[in-house]
Amino acid sequence: MNVNDYVKSMLESTKESVVGLDFDMRFDVVDFIRKELAEKGLTQKQLALRMKMKDSQLTRILNAENNITLETIARIYHAFGCKPIITERPVYNLISDQMKRLSQTTIADHQIMVRGQNTAS
């Protein structure tokens, strides 16, 4: 099963659960990281070094594979010189927001990185 199909099935199966909210928050963090990396012209490796984290761990975060602790969120935002802010959103928009994000993301964005090289190559 490819990543897009997996995420779609997870989103559909968690419409009414806290797990769906967890995925939504993970996507918020991933979106923030990708936006900041692009704006600041940093690589994933450079960010991992700033965070004192293995590149493979950051890859798992960017693939929304791992639960992210508050400490890790703080390290991410600190690496970019800012502080996270939690905002409230109605839950009914959760699935549609996640599906929009998924449709805007290509499978290449979710390829597992091994020693800094894309495994799809």
PDB file of N, CA and C in Angstrom:
ATOM      1  N   MET A   1       0.856  -1.173   0.000  1.00  0.00           N
ATOM      2  CA  MET A   1       0.000   0.000   0.000  1.00  0.00           C
ATOM      3  C   MET A   1       0.904   1.239   0.000  1.00  0.00           C
ATOM      4  N   ASN A   2       0.645   2.169  -0.919  1.00  0.00           N
ATOM      5  CA  ASN A   2       1.473   3.377  -0.942  1.00  0.00           C
ATOM      6  C   ASN A   2       1.029   4.343   0.161  1.00  0.00           C
ATOM      7  N   VAL A   3       1.833   5.347   0.399  1.00  0.00           N
ATOM      8  CA  VAL A   3       1.611   6.266   1.511  1.00  0.00           C
ATOM      9  C   VAL A   3       0.285   6.998   1.371  1.00  0.00           C
ATOM     10  N   ASN A   4      -0.042   7.463   0.160  1.00  0.00           N
ATOM     11  CA  ASN A   4      -1.297   8.190  -0.029  1.00  0.00           C
ATOM     12  C   ASN A   4      -2.500   7.328   0.328  1.00  0.00           C
ATOM     13  N   ASP A   5      -2.501   6.062  -0.134  1.00  0.00           N
ATOM     14  CA  ASP A   5      -3.609   5.166   0.176  1.00  0.00           C
ATOM     15  C   ASP A   5      -3.693   4.893   1.674  1.00  0.00           C
ATOM     16  N   TYR A   6      -2.527   4.725   2.312  1.00  0.00           N
ATOM     17  CA  TYR A   6      -2.484   4.479   3.756  1.00  0.00           C
ATOM     18  C   TYR A   6      -3.076   5.665   4.517  1.00  0.00           C
ATOM     19  N   VAL A   7      -2.631   6.869   4.169  1.00  0.00           N
ATOM     20  CA  VAL A   7      -3.115   8.058   4.874  1.00  0.00           C
ATOM     21  C   VAL A   7      -4.613   8.234   4.651  1.00  0.00           C
ATOM     22  N   LYS A   8      -5.078   8.040   3.420  1.00  0.00           N
ATOM     23  CA  LYS A   8      -6.516   8.155   3.149  1.00  0.00           C
ATOM     24  C   LYS A   8      -7.313   7.169   4.001  1.00  0.00           C
ATOM     25  N   SER A   9      -6.844   5.926   4.075  1.00  0.00           N
ATOM     26  CA  SER A   9      -7.571   4.921   4.860  1.00  0.00           C
ATOM     27  C   SER A   9      -7.558   5.279   6.343  1.00  0.00           C
ATOM     28  N   MET A  10      -6.426   5.797   6.843  1.00  0.00           N
ATOM     29  CA  MET A  10      -6.353   6.214   8.245  1.00  0.00           C
ATOM     30  C   MET A  10      -7.313   7.369   8.516  1.00  0.00           C
ATOM     31  N   LEU A  11      -7.354   8.333   7.603  1.00  0.00           N
ATOM     32  CA  LEU A  11      -8.229   9.483   7.801  1.00  0.00           C
ATOM     33  C   LEU A  11      -9.689   9.068   7.801  1.00  0.00           C
ATOM     34  N   GLU A  12     -10.059   8.203   6.881  1.00  0.00           N
ATOM     35  CA  GLU A  12     -11.443   7.745   6.807  1.00  0.00           C
ATOM     36  C   GLU A  12     -11.835   6.939   8.044  1.00  0.00           C
ATOM     37  N   SER A  13     -10.890   6.134   8.555  1.00  0.00           N
ATOM     38  CA  SER A  13     -11.212   5.283   9.699  1.00  0.00           C
ATOM     39  C   SER A  13     -11.179   6.040  11.022  1.00  0.00           C
ATOM     40  N   THR A  14     -10.695   7.266  11.022  1.00  0.00           N
ATOM     41  CA  THR A  14     -10.559   8.019  12.275  1.00  0.00           C
ATOM     42  C   THR A  14     -11.379   9.304  12.284  1.00  0.00           C
ATOM     43  N   LYS A  15     -12.397   9.385  11.441  1.00  0.00           N
ATOM     44  CA  LYS A  15     -13.183  10.616  11.336  1.00  0.00           C
ATOM     45  C   LYS A  15     -13.682  11.127  12.686  1.00  0.00           C
ATOM     46  N   GLU A  16     -14.131  10.226  13.532  1.00  0.00           N
ATOM     47  CA  GLU A  16     -14.755  10.622  14.793  1.00  0.00           C
ATOM     48  C   GLU A  16     -13.852  10.368  15.992  1.00  0.00           C
ATOM     49  N   SER A  17     -12.551  10.264  15.791  1.00  0.00           N
ATOM     50  CA  SER A  17     -11.696   9.894  16.917  1.00  0.00           C
ATOM     51  C   SER A  17     -10.613  10.921  17.179  1.00  0.00           C
ATOM     52  N   VAL A  18      -9.977  10.764  18.318  1.00  0.00           N
ATOM     53  CA  VAL A  18      -8.858  11.606  18.697  1.00  0.00           C
ATOM     54  C   VAL A  18      -7.672  11.346  17.776  1.00  0.00           C
ATOM     55  N   VAL A  19      -7.570  10.131  17.231  1.00  0.00           N
ATOM     56  CA  VAL A  19      -6.469   9.819  16.323  1.00  0.00           C
ATOM     57  C   VAL A  19      -6.493  10.768  15.131  1.00  0.00           C
ATOM     58  N   GLY A  20      -7.673  11.080  14.630  1.00  0.00           N
ATOM     59  CA  GLY A  20      -7.787  12.023  13.518  1.00  0.00           C
ATOM     60  C   GLY A  20      -7.250  13.397  13.893  1.00  0.00           C
ATOM     61  N   LEU A  21      -7.519  13.823  15.127  1.00  0.00           N
ATOM     62  CA  LEU A  21      -6.994  15.105  15.592  1.00  0.00           C
ATOM     63  C   LEU A  21      -5.479  15.059  15.696  1.00  0.00           C
ATOM     64  N   ASP A  22      -4.949  13.928  16.132  1.00  0.00           N
ATOM     65  CA  ASP A  22      -3.501  13.742  16.217  1.00  0.00           C
ATOM     66  C   ASP A  22      -2.870  13.888  14.837  1.00  0.00           C
ATOM     67  N   PHE A  23      -3.459  13.231  13.832  1.00  0.00           N
ATOM     68  CA  PHE A  23      -2.927  13.352  12.471  1.00  0.00           C
ATOM     69  C   PHE A  23      -2.981  14.796  11.999  1.00  0.00           C
ATOM     70  N   ASP A  24      -4.047  15.490  12.309  1.00  0.00           N
ATOM     71  CA  ASP A  24      -4.184  16.876  11.891  1.00  0.00           C
ATOM     72  C   ASP A  24      -3.074  17.739  12.488  1.00  0.00           C
ATOM     73  N   MET A  25      -2.787  17.530  13.760  1.00  0.00           N
ATOM     74  CA  MET A  25      -1.723  18.304  14.391  1.00  0.00           C
ATOM     75  C   MET A  25      -0.357  17.939  13.811  1.00  0.00           C
ATOM     76  N   ARG A  26      -0.158  16.651  13.499  1.00  0.00           N
ATOM     77  CA  ARG A  26       1.105  16.250  12.857  1.00  0.00           C
ATOM     78  C   ARG A  26       1.270  16.963  11.525  1.00  0.00           C
ATOM     79  N   PHE A  27       0.181  17.010  10.730  1.00  0.00           N
ATOM     80  CA  PHE A  27       0.248  17.685   9.437  1.00  0.00           C
ATOM     81  C   PHE A  27       0.528  19.173   9.609  1.00  0.00           C
ATOM     82  N   ASP A  28      -0.021  19.790  10.664  1.00  0.00           N
ATOM     83  CA  ASP A  28       0.277  21.203  10.931  1.00  0.00           C
ATOM     84  C   ASP A  28       1.774  21.405  11.131  1.00  0.00           C
ATOM     85  N   VAL A  29       2.393  20.531  11.917  1.00  0.00           N
ATOM     86  CA  VAL A  29       3.829  20.637  12.181  1.00  0.00           C
ATOM     87  C   VAL A  29       4.623  20.391  10.901  1.00  0.00           C
ATOM     88  N   VAL A  30       4.232  19.371  10.141  1.00  0.00           N
ATOM     89  CA  VAL A  30       4.926  19.067   8.885  1.00  0.00           C
ATOM     90  C   VAL A  30       4.817  20.239   7.918  1.00  0.00           C
ATOM     91  N   ASP A  31       3.627  20.807   7.795  1.00  0.00           N
ATOM     92  CA  ASP A  31       3.445  21.969   6.916  1.00  0.00           C
ATOM     93  C   ASP A  31       4.346  23.123   7.352  1.00  0.00           C
ATOM     94  N   PHE A  32       4.410  23.361   8.660  1.00  0.00           N
ATOM     95  CA  PHE A  32       5.259  24.435   9.184  1.00  0.00           C
ATOM     96  C   PHE A  32       6.724  24.183   8.832  1.00  0.00           C
ATOM     97  N   ILE A  33       7.205  22.964   9.060  1.00  0.00           N
ATOM     98  CA  ILE A  33       8.609  22.642   8.779  1.00  0.00           C
ATOM     99  C   ILE A  33       8.915  22.848   7.302  1.00  0.00           C
ATOM    100  N   ARG A  34       8.077  22.302   6.419  1.00  0.00           N
ATOM    101  CA  ARG A  34       8.322  22.424   4.980  1.00  0.00           C
ATOM    102  C   ARG A  34       8.332  23.889   4.530  1.00  0.00           C
ATOM    103  N   LYS A  35       7.400  24.679   5.063  1.00  0.00           N
ATOM    104  CA  LYS A  35       7.325  26.098   4.712  1.00  0.00           C
ATOM    105  C   LYS A  35       8.586  26.824   5.175  1.00  0.00           C
ATOM    106  N   GLU A  36       8.992  26.573   6.396  1.00  0.00           N
ATOM    107  CA  GLU A  36      10.173  27.248   6.944  1.00  0.00           C
ATOM    108  C   GLU A  36      11.458  26.811   6.238  1.00  0.00           C
ATOM    109  N   LEU A  37      11.583  25.529   5.930  1.00  0.00           N
ATOM    110  CA  LEU A  37      12.767  25.063   5.206  1.00  0.00           C
ATOM    111  C   LEU A  37      12.888  25.788   3.866  1.00  0.00           C
ATOM    112  N   ALA A  38      11.762  25.881   3.156  1.00  0.00           N
ATOM    113  CA  ALA A  38      11.770  26.540   1.844  1.00  0.00           C
ATOM    114  C   ALA A  38      12.091  28.034   1.982  1.00  0.00           C
ATOM    115  N   GLU A  39      11.441  28.697   2.942  1.00  0.00           N
ATOM    116  CA  GLU A  39      11.651  30.134   3.116  1.00  0.00           C
ATOM    117  C   GLU A  39      13.072  30.474   3.541  1.00  0.00           C
ATOM    118  N   LYS A  40      13.644  29.629   4.375  1.00  0.00           N
ATOM    119  CA  LYS A  40      14.983  29.909   4.902  1.00  0.00           C
ATOM    120  C   LYS A  40      16.085  29.255   4.080  1.00  0.00           C
ATOM    121  N   GLY A  41      15.711  28.473   3.065  1.00  0.00           N
ATOM    122  CA  GLY A  41      16.697  27.837   2.204  1.00  0.00           C
ATOM    123  C   GLY A  41      17.550  26.796   2.922  1.00  0.00           C
ATOM    124  N   LEU A  42      16.969  26.153   3.921  1.00  0.00           N
ATOM    125  CA  LEU A  42      17.679  25.126   4.673  1.00  0.00           C
ATOM    126  C   LEU A  42      17.355  23.738   4.129  1.00  0.00           C
ATOM    127  N   THR A  43      18.279  22.819   4.334  1.00  0.00           N
ATOM    128  CA  THR A  43      18.024  21.424   3.985  1.00  0.00           C
ATOM    129  C   THR A  43      17.521  20.694   5.230  1.00  0.00           C
ATOM    130  N   GLN A  44      16.978  19.524   5.002  1.00  0.00           N
ATOM    131  CA  GLN A  44      16.517  18.695   6.105  1.00  0.00           C
ATOM    132  C   GLN A  44      17.693  18.331   7.019  1.00  0.00           C
ATOM    133  N   LYS A  45      18.837  18.037   6.421  1.00  0.00           N
ATOM    134  CA  LYS A  45      20.035  17.699   7.206  1.00  0.00           C
ATOM    135  C   LYS A  45      20.453  18.860   8.104  1.00  0.00           C
ATOM    136  N   GLN A  46      20.407  20.077   7.569  1.00  0.00           N
ATOM    137  CA  GLN A  46      20.783  21.250   8.354  1.00  0.00           C
ATOM    138  C   GLN A  46      19.828  21.441   9.540  1.00  0.00           C
ATOM    139  N   LEU A  47      18.541  21.238   9.288  1.00  0.00           N
ATOM    140  CA  LEU A  47      17.565  21.358  10.373  1.00  0.00           C
ATOM    141  C   LEU A  47      17.811  20.291  11.429  1.00  0.00           C
ATOM    142  N   ALA A  48      18.053  19.066  11.007  1.00  0.00           N
ATOM    143  CA  ALA A  48      18.317  17.983  11.956  1.00  0.00           C
ATOM    144  C   ALA A  48      19.524  18.327  12.838  1.00  0.00           C
ATOM    145  N   LEU A  49      20.563  18.884  12.232  1.00  0.00           N
ATOM    146  CA  LEU A  49      21.738  19.287  13.009  1.00  0.00           C
ATOM    147  C   LEU A  49      21.390  20.375  14.029  1.00  0.00           C
ATOM    148  N   ARG A  50      20.607  21.364  13.596  1.00  0.00           N
ATOM    149  CA  ARG A  50      20.188  22.436  14.514  1.00  0.00           C
ATOM    150  C   ARG A  50      19.394  21.878  15.691  1.00  0.00           C
ATOM    151  N   MET A  51      18.608  20.837  15.406  1.00  0.00           N
ATOM    152  CA  MET A  51      17.752  20.253  16.443  1.00  0.00           C
ATOM    153  C   MET A  51      18.473  19.193  17.264  1.00  0.00           C
ATOM    154  N   LYS A  52      19.723  18.885  16.878  1.00  0.00           N
ATOM    155  CA  LYS A  52      20.484  17.813  17.528  1.00  0.00           C
ATOM    156  C   LYS A  52      19.693  16.509  17.471  1.00  0.00           C
ATOM    157  N   MET A  53      19.271  16.184  16.246  1.00  0.00           N
ATOM    158  CA  MET A  53      18.423  15.034  15.983  1.00  0.00           C
ATOM    159  C   MET A  53      18.974  14.294  14.769  1.00  0.00           C
ATOM    160  N   LYS A  54      18.788  12.999  14.735  1.00  0.00           N
ATOM    161  CA  LYS A  54      19.194  12.221  13.564  1.00  0.00           C
ATOM    162  C   LYS A  54      18.305  12.606  12.383  1.00  0.00           C
ATOM    163  N   ASP A  55      18.902  12.641  11.201  1.00  0.00           N
ATOM    164  CA  ASP A  55      18.153  12.951   9.985  1.00  0.00           C
ATOM    165  C   ASP A  55      17.001  11.960   9.789  1.00  0.00           C
ATOM    166  N   SER A  56      17.216  10.706  10.150  1.00  0.00           N
ATOM    167  CA  SER A  56      16.171   9.686   9.977  1.00  0.00           C
ATOM    168  C   SER A  56      14.967   9.972  10.872  1.00  0.00           C
ATOM    169  N   GLN A  57      15.203  10.513  12.070  1.00  0.00           N
ATOM    170  CA  GLN A  57      14.092  10.859  12.952  1.00  0.00           C
ATOM    171  C   GLN A  57      13.292  12.016  12.366  1.00  0.00           C
ATOM    172  N   LEU A  58      13.987  13.005  11.809  1.00  0.00           N
ATOM    173  CA  LEU A  58      13.302  14.132  11.179  1.00  0.00           C
ATOM    174  C   LEU A  58      12.514  13.656   9.959  1.00  0.00           C
ATOM    175  N   THR A  59      13.048  12.701   9.225  1.00  0.00           N
ATOM    176  CA  THR A  59      12.326  12.132   8.081  1.00  0.00           C
ATOM    177  C   THR A  59      11.013  11.503   8.536  1.00  0.00           C
ATOM    178  N   ARG A  60      11.056  10.769   9.643  1.00  0.00           N
ATOM    179  CA  ARG A  60       9.824  10.144  10.160  1.00  0.00           C
ATOM    180  C   ARG A  60       8.810  11.209  10.573  1.00  0.00           C
ATOM    181  N   ILE A  61       9.293  12.316  11.126  1.00  0.00           N
ATOM    182  CA  ILE A  61       8.387  13.411  11.484  1.00  0.00           C
ATOM    183  C   ILE A  61       7.776  14.008  10.222  1.00  0.00           C
ATOM    184  N   LEU A  62       8.599  14.257   9.200  1.00  0.00           N
ATOM    185  CA  LEU A  62       8.107  14.850   7.951  1.00  0.00           C
ATOM    186  C   LEU A  62       7.158  13.917   7.198  1.00  0.00           C
ATOM    187  N   ASN A  63       7.259  12.630   7.440  1.00  0.00           N
ATOM    188  CA  ASN A  63       6.339  11.667   6.828  1.00  0.00           C
ATOM    189  C   ASN A  63       5.121  11.420   7.712  1.00  0.00           C
ATOM    190  N   ALA A  64       5.014  12.157   8.818  1.00  0.00           N
ATOM    191  CA  ALA A  64       3.910  12.029   9.780  1.00  0.00           C
ATOM    192  C   ALA A  64       3.789  10.599  10.291  1.00  0.00           C
ATOM    193  N   GLU A  65       4.920   9.902  10.406  1.00  0.00           N
ATOM    194  CA  GLU A  65       4.916   8.519  10.859  1.00  0.00           C
ATOM    195  C   GLU A  65       4.947   8.401  12.373  1.00  0.00           C
ATOM    196  N   ASN A  66       5.537   9.350  13.044  1.00  0.00           N
ATOM    197  CA  ASN A  66       5.729   9.269  14.490  1.00  0.00           C
ATOM    198  C   ASN A  66       4.846  10.253  15.228  1.00  0.00           C
ATOM    199  N   ASN A  67       4.482   9.869  16.443  1.00  0.00           N
ATOM    200  CA  ASN A  67       3.858  10.805  17.346  1.00  0.00           C
ATOM    201  C   ASN A  67       4.937  11.807  17.746  1.00  0.00           C
ATOM    202  N   ILE A  68       4.594  13.069  17.824  1.00  0.00           N
ATOM    203  CA  ILE A  68       5.574  14.102  18.122  1.00  0.00           C
ATOM    204  C   ILE A  68       5.338  14.592  19.551  1.00  0.00           C
ATOM    205  N   THR A  69       6.376  14.564  20.362  1.00  0.00           N
ATOM    206  CA  THR A  69       6.252  15.047  21.732  1.00  0.00           C
ATOM    207  C   THR A  69       6.277  16.572  21.766  1.00  0.00           C
ATOM    208  N   LEU A  70       5.819  17.125  22.875  1.00  0.00           N
ATOM    209  CA  LEU A  70       5.886  18.579  23.038  1.00  0.00           C
ATOM    210  C   LEU A  70       7.335  19.050  23.011  1.00  0.00           C
ATOM    211  N   GLU A  71       8.238  18.251  23.562  1.00  0.00           N
ATOM    212  CA  GLU A  71       9.658  18.608  23.538  1.00  0.00           C
ATOM    213  C   GLU A  71      10.169  18.706  22.097  1.00  0.00           C
ATOM    214  N   THR A  72       9.771  17.759  21.261  1.00  0.00           N
ATOM    215  CA  THR A  72      10.209  17.787  19.863  1.00  0.00           C
ATOM    216  C   THR A  72       9.619  18.990  19.140  1.00  0.00           C
ATOM    217  N   ILE A  73       8.362  19.294  19.397  1.00  0.00           N
ATOM    218  CA  ILE A  73       7.740  20.474  18.790  1.00  0.00           C
ATOM    219  C   ILE A  73       8.497  21.732  19.213  1.00  0.00           C
ATOM    220  N   ALA A  74       8.844  21.813  20.488  1.00  0.00           N
ATOM    221  CA  ALA A  74       9.608  22.970  20.976  1.00  0.00           C
ATOM    222  C   ALA A  74      10.959  23.057  20.275  1.00  0.00           C
ATOM    223  N   ARG A  75      11.626  21.922  20.068  1.00  0.00           N
ATOM    224  CA  ARG A  75      12.926  21.919  19.382  1.00  0.00           C
ATOM    225  C   ARG A  75      12.784  22.374  17.935  1.00  0.00           C
ATOM    226  N   ILE A  76      11.719  21.947  17.283  1.00  0.00           N
ATOM    227  CA  ILE A  76      11.481  22.340  15.887  1.00  0.00           C
ATOM    228  C   ILE A  76      11.325  23.859  15.798  1.00  0.00           C
ATOM    229  N   TYR A  77      10.425  24.394  16.605  1.00  0.00           N
ATOM    230  CA  TYR A  77      10.156  25.828  16.541  1.00  0.00           C
ATOM    231  C   TYR A  77      11.375  26.638  16.996  1.00  0.00           C
ATOM    232  N   HIS A  78      12.085  26.171  18.019  1.00  0.00           N
ATOM    233  CA  HIS A  78      13.292  26.853  18.481  1.00  0.00           C
ATOM    234  C   HIS A  78      14.347  26.902  17.370  1.00  0.00           C
ATOM    235  N   ALA A  79      14.458  25.826  16.603  1.00  0.00           N
ATOM    236  CA  ALA A  79      15.432  25.779  15.503  1.00  0.00           C
ATOM    237  C   ALA A  79      15.148  26.853  14.460  1.00  0.00           C
ATOM    238  N   PHE A  80      13.892  27.261  14.349  1.00  0.00           N
ATOM    239  CA  PHE A  80      13.515  28.311  13.406  1.00  0.00           C
ATOM    240  C   PHE A  80      13.374  29.672  14.097  1.00  0.00           C
ATOM    241  N   GLY A  81      13.687  29.727  15.399  1.00  0.00           N
ATOM    242  CA  GLY A  81      13.655  30.996  16.124  1.00  0.00           C
ATOM    243  C   GLY A  81      12.274  31.531  16.406  1.00  0.00           C
ATOM    244  N   CYS A  82      11.322  30.635  16.636  1.00  0.00           N
ATOM    245  CA  CYS A  82       9.966  31.101  16.945  1.00  0.00           C
ATOM    246  C   CYS A  82       9.303  30.186  17.974  1.00  0.00           C
ATOM    247  N   LYS A  83       8.096  30.571  18.369  1.00  0.00           N
ATOM    248  CA  LYS A  83       7.348  29.848  19.398  1.00  0.00           C
ATOM    249  C   LYS A  83       6.040  29.340  18.788  1.00  0.00           C
ATOM    250  N   PRO A  84       5.663  28.074  19.057  1.00  0.00           N
ATOM    251  CA  PRO A  84       4.404  27.562  18.510  1.00  0.00           C
ATOM    252  C   PRO A  84       3.196  28.175  19.221  1.00  0.00           C
ATOM    253  N   ILE A  85       2.116  28.321  18.466  1.00  0.00           N
ATOM    254  CA  ILE A  85       0.857  28.809  19.016  1.00  0.00           C
ATOM    255  C   ILE A  85      -0.230  27.814  18.613  1.00  0.00           C
ATOM    256  N   ILE A  86      -1.014  27.392  19.577  1.00  0.00           N
ATOM    257  CA  ILE A  86      -2.108  26.461  19.298  1.00  0.00           C
ATOM    258  C   ILE A  86      -3.368  27.273  19.062  1.00  0.00           C
ATOM    259  N   THR A  87      -4.046  26.995  17.951  1.00  0.00           N
ATOM    260  CA  THR A  87      -5.307  27.674  17.654  1.00  0.00           C
ATOM    261  C   THR A  87      -6.408  26.633  17.526  1.00  0.00           C
ATOM    262  N   GLU A  88      -7.593  27.038  17.856  1.00  0.00           N
ATOM    263  CA  GLU A  88      -8.748  26.130  17.783  1.00  0.00           C
ATOM    264  C   GLU A  88      -9.381  26.207  16.401  1.00  0.00           C
ATOM    265  N   ARG A  89      -9.852  25.025  15.930  1.00  0.00           N
ATOM    266  CA  ARG A  89     -10.597  24.927  14.681  1.00  0.00           C
ATOM    267  C   ARG A  89     -11.749  23.967  14.906  1.00  0.00           C
ATOM    268  N   PRO A  90     -12.862  24.164  14.209  1.00  0.00           N
ATOM    269  CA  PRO A  90     -13.960  23.202  14.341  1.00  0.00           C
ATOM    270  C   PRO A  90     -13.525  21.825  13.847  1.00  0.00           C
ATOM    271  N   VAL A  91     -13.930  20.777  14.545  1.00  0.00           N
ATOM    272  CA  VAL A  91     -13.540  19.410  14.198  1.00  0.00           C
ATOM    273  C   VAL A  91     -14.139  18.984  12.865  1.00  0.00           C
ATOM    274  N   TYR A  92     -15.311  19.488  12.494  1.00  0.00           N
ATOM    275  CA  TYR A  92     -15.958  19.027  11.267  1.00  0.00           C
ATOM    276  C   TYR A  92     -15.131  19.301  10.024  1.00  0.00           C
ATOM    277  N   ASN A  93     -14.195  20.244  10.080  1.00  0.00           N
ATOM    278  CA  ASN A  93     -13.335  20.531   8.927  1.00  0.00           C
ATOM    279  C   ASN A  93     -12.110  19.627   8.868  1.00  0.00           C
ATOM    280  N   LEU A  94     -11.920  18.821   9.892  1.00  0.00           N
ATOM    281  CA  LEU A  94     -10.705  18.029  10.031  1.00  0.00           C
ATOM    282  C   LEU A  94     -10.423  17.157   8.817  1.00  0.00           C
ATOM    283  N   ILE A  95     -11.353  16.312   8.427  1.00  0.00           N
ATOM    284  CA  ILE A  95     -11.107  15.371   7.337  1.00  0.00           C
ATOM    285  C   ILE A  95     -10.925  16.103   6.016  1.00  0.00           C
ATOM    286  N   SER A  96     -11.756  17.094   5.741  1.00  0.00           N
ATOM    287  CA  SER A  96     -11.609  17.796   4.462  1.00  0.00           C
ATOM    288  C   SER A  96     -10.271  18.528   4.388  1.00  0.00           C
ATOM    289  N   ASP A  97      -9.818  19.109   5.510  1.00  0.00           N
ATOM    290  CA  ASP A  97      -8.512  19.772   5.530  1.00  0.00           C
ATOM    291  C   ASP A  97      -7.392  18.771   5.261  1.00  0.00           C
ATOM    292  N   GLN A  98      -7.471  17.606   5.896  1.00  0.00           N
ATOM    293  CA  GLN A  98      -6.432  16.596   5.715  1.00  0.00           C
ATOM    294  C   GLN A  98      -6.427  16.071   4.285  1.00  0.00           C
ATOM    295  N   MET A  99      -7.595  15.875   3.698  1.00  0.00           N
ATOM    296  CA  MET A  99      -7.660  15.374   2.328  1.00  0.00           C
ATOM    297  C   MET A  99      -7.113  16.420   1.358  1.00  0.00           C
ATOM    298  N   LYS A 100      -7.360  17.705   1.619  1.00  0.00           N
ATOM    299  CA  LYS A 100      -6.793  18.765   0.774  1.00  0.00           C
ATOM    300  C   LYS A 100      -5.272  18.729   0.840  1.00  0.00           C
ATOM    301  N   ARG A 101      -4.737  18.601   2.053  1.00  0.00           N
ATOM    302  CA  ARG A 101      -3.285  18.537   2.212  1.00  0.00           C
ATOM    303  C   ARG A 101      -2.719  17.348   1.458  1.00  0.00           C
ATOM    304  N   LEU A 102      -3.392  16.211   1.596  1.00  0.00           N
ATOM    305  CA  LEU A 102      -2.919  14.998   0.938  1.00  0.00           C
ATOM    306  C   LEU A 102      -2.936  15.168  -0.572  1.00  0.00           C
ATOM    307  N   SER A 103      -3.979  15.777  -1.117  1.00  0.00           N
ATOM    308  CA  SER A 103      -4.070  15.942  -2.563  1.00  0.00           C
ATOM    309  C   SER A 103      -3.023  16.924  -3.089  1.00  0.00           C
ATOM    310  N   GLN A 104      -2.539  17.825  -2.232  1.00  0.00           N
ATOM    311  CA  GLN A 104      -1.520  18.779  -2.642  1.00  0.00           C
ATOM    312  C   GLN A 104      -0.111  18.228  -2.485  1.00  0.00           C
ATOM    313  N   THR A 105       0.004  17.074  -1.878  1.00  0.00           N
ATOM    314  CA  THR A 105       1.303  16.463  -1.616  1.00  0.00           C
ATOM    315  C   THR A 105       1.499  15.286  -2.550  1.00  0.00           C
ATOM    316  N   THR A 106       2.641  15.227  -3.158  1.00  0.00           N
ATOM    317  CA  THR A 106       2.915  14.095  -4.042  1.00  0.00           C
ATOM    318  C   THR A 106       3.538  12.964  -3.256  1.00  0.00           C
ATOM    319  N   ILE A 107       3.473  11.785  -3.796  1.00  0.00           N
ATOM    320  CA  ILE A 107       4.066  10.633  -3.147  1.00  0.00           C
ATOM    321  C   ILE A 107       5.563  10.834  -2.953  1.00  0.00           C
ATOM    322  N   ALA A 108       6.200  11.583  -3.810  1.00  0.00           N
ATOM    323  CA  ALA A 108       7.640  11.840  -3.678  1.00  0.00           C
ATOM    324  C   ALA A 108       7.952  12.575  -2.385  1.00  0.00           C
ATOM    325  N   ASP A 109       7.004  13.392  -1.904  1.00  0.00           N
ATOM    326  CA  ASP A 109       7.211  14.100  -0.641  1.00  0.00           C
ATOM    327  C   ASP A 109       7.276  13.145   0.539  1.00  0.00           C
ATOM    328  N   HIS A 110       6.773  11.933   0.360  1.00  0.00           N
ATOM    329  CA  HIS A 110       6.694  10.980   1.464  1.00  0.00           C
ATOM    330  C   HIS A 110       7.628   9.789   1.300  1.00  0.00           C
ATOM    331  N   GLN A 111       8.561   9.854   0.357  1.00  0.00           N
ATOM    332  CA  GLN A 111       9.490   8.745   0.177  1.00  0.00           C
ATOM    333  C   GLN A 111      10.421   8.653   1.381  1.00  0.00           C
ATOM    334  N   ILE A 112      10.706   7.442   1.778  1.00  0.00           N
ATOM    335  CA  ILE A 112      11.611   7.237   2.905  1.00  0.00           C
ATOM    336  C   ILE A 112      13.032   7.547   2.441  1.00  0.00           C
ATOM    337  N   MET A 113      13.735   8.285   3.260  1.00  0.00           N
ATOM    338  CA  MET A 113      15.103   8.646   2.946  1.00  0.00           C
ATOM    339  C   MET A 113      16.058   7.688   3.673  1.00  0.00           C
ATOM    340  N   VAL A 114      17.008   7.171   2.953  1.00  0.00           N
ATOM    341  CA  VAL A 114      18.011   6.293   3.547  1.00  0.00           C
ATOM    342  C   VAL A 114      19.370   6.921   3.305  1.00  0.00           C
ATOM    343  N   ARG A 115      20.052   7.260   4.393  1.00  0.00           N
ATOM    344  CA  ARG A 115      21.364   7.911   4.313  1.00  0.00           C
ATOM    345  C   ARG A 115      21.349   9.118   3.377  1.00  0.00           C
ATOM    346  N   GLY A 116      20.224   9.861   3.418  1.00  0.00           N
ATOM    347  CA  GLY A 116      20.144  11.092   2.630  1.00  0.00           C
ATOM    348  C   GLY A 116      19.811  10.900   1.173  1.00  0.00           C
ATOM    349  N   GLN A 117      19.540   9.657   0.738  1.00  0.00           N
ATOM    350  CA  GLN A 117      19.202   9.413  -0.668  1.00  0.00           C
ATOM    351  C   GLN A 117      17.777   8.896  -0.754  1.00  0.00           C
ATOM    352  N   ASN A 118      17.044   9.377  -1.738  1.00  0.00           N
ATOM    353  CA  ASN A 118      15.673   8.968  -1.950  1.00  0.00           C
ATOM    354  C   ASN A 118      15.657   7.509  -2.420  1.00  0.00           C
ATOM    355  N   THR A 119      14.859   6.658  -1.754  1.00  0.00           N
ATOM    356  CA  THR A 119      14.816   5.239  -2.110  1.00  0.00           C
ATOM    357  C   THR A 119      14.069   5.008  -3.418  1.00  0.00           C
ATOM    358  N   ALA A 120      13.333   6.011  -3.899  1.00  0.00           N
ATOM    359  CA  ALA A 120      12.596   5.851  -5.154  1.00  0.00           C
ATOM    360  C   ALA A 120      13.513   5.975  -6.358  1.00  0.00           C
ATOM    361  N   SER A 121      14.710   6.535  -6.151  1.00  0.00           N
ATOM    362  CA  SER A 121      15.640   6.745  -7.258  1.00  0.00           C
ATOM    363  C   SER A 121      16.255   5.456  -7.723  1.00  0.00           C
TER     364      SER A 121
END
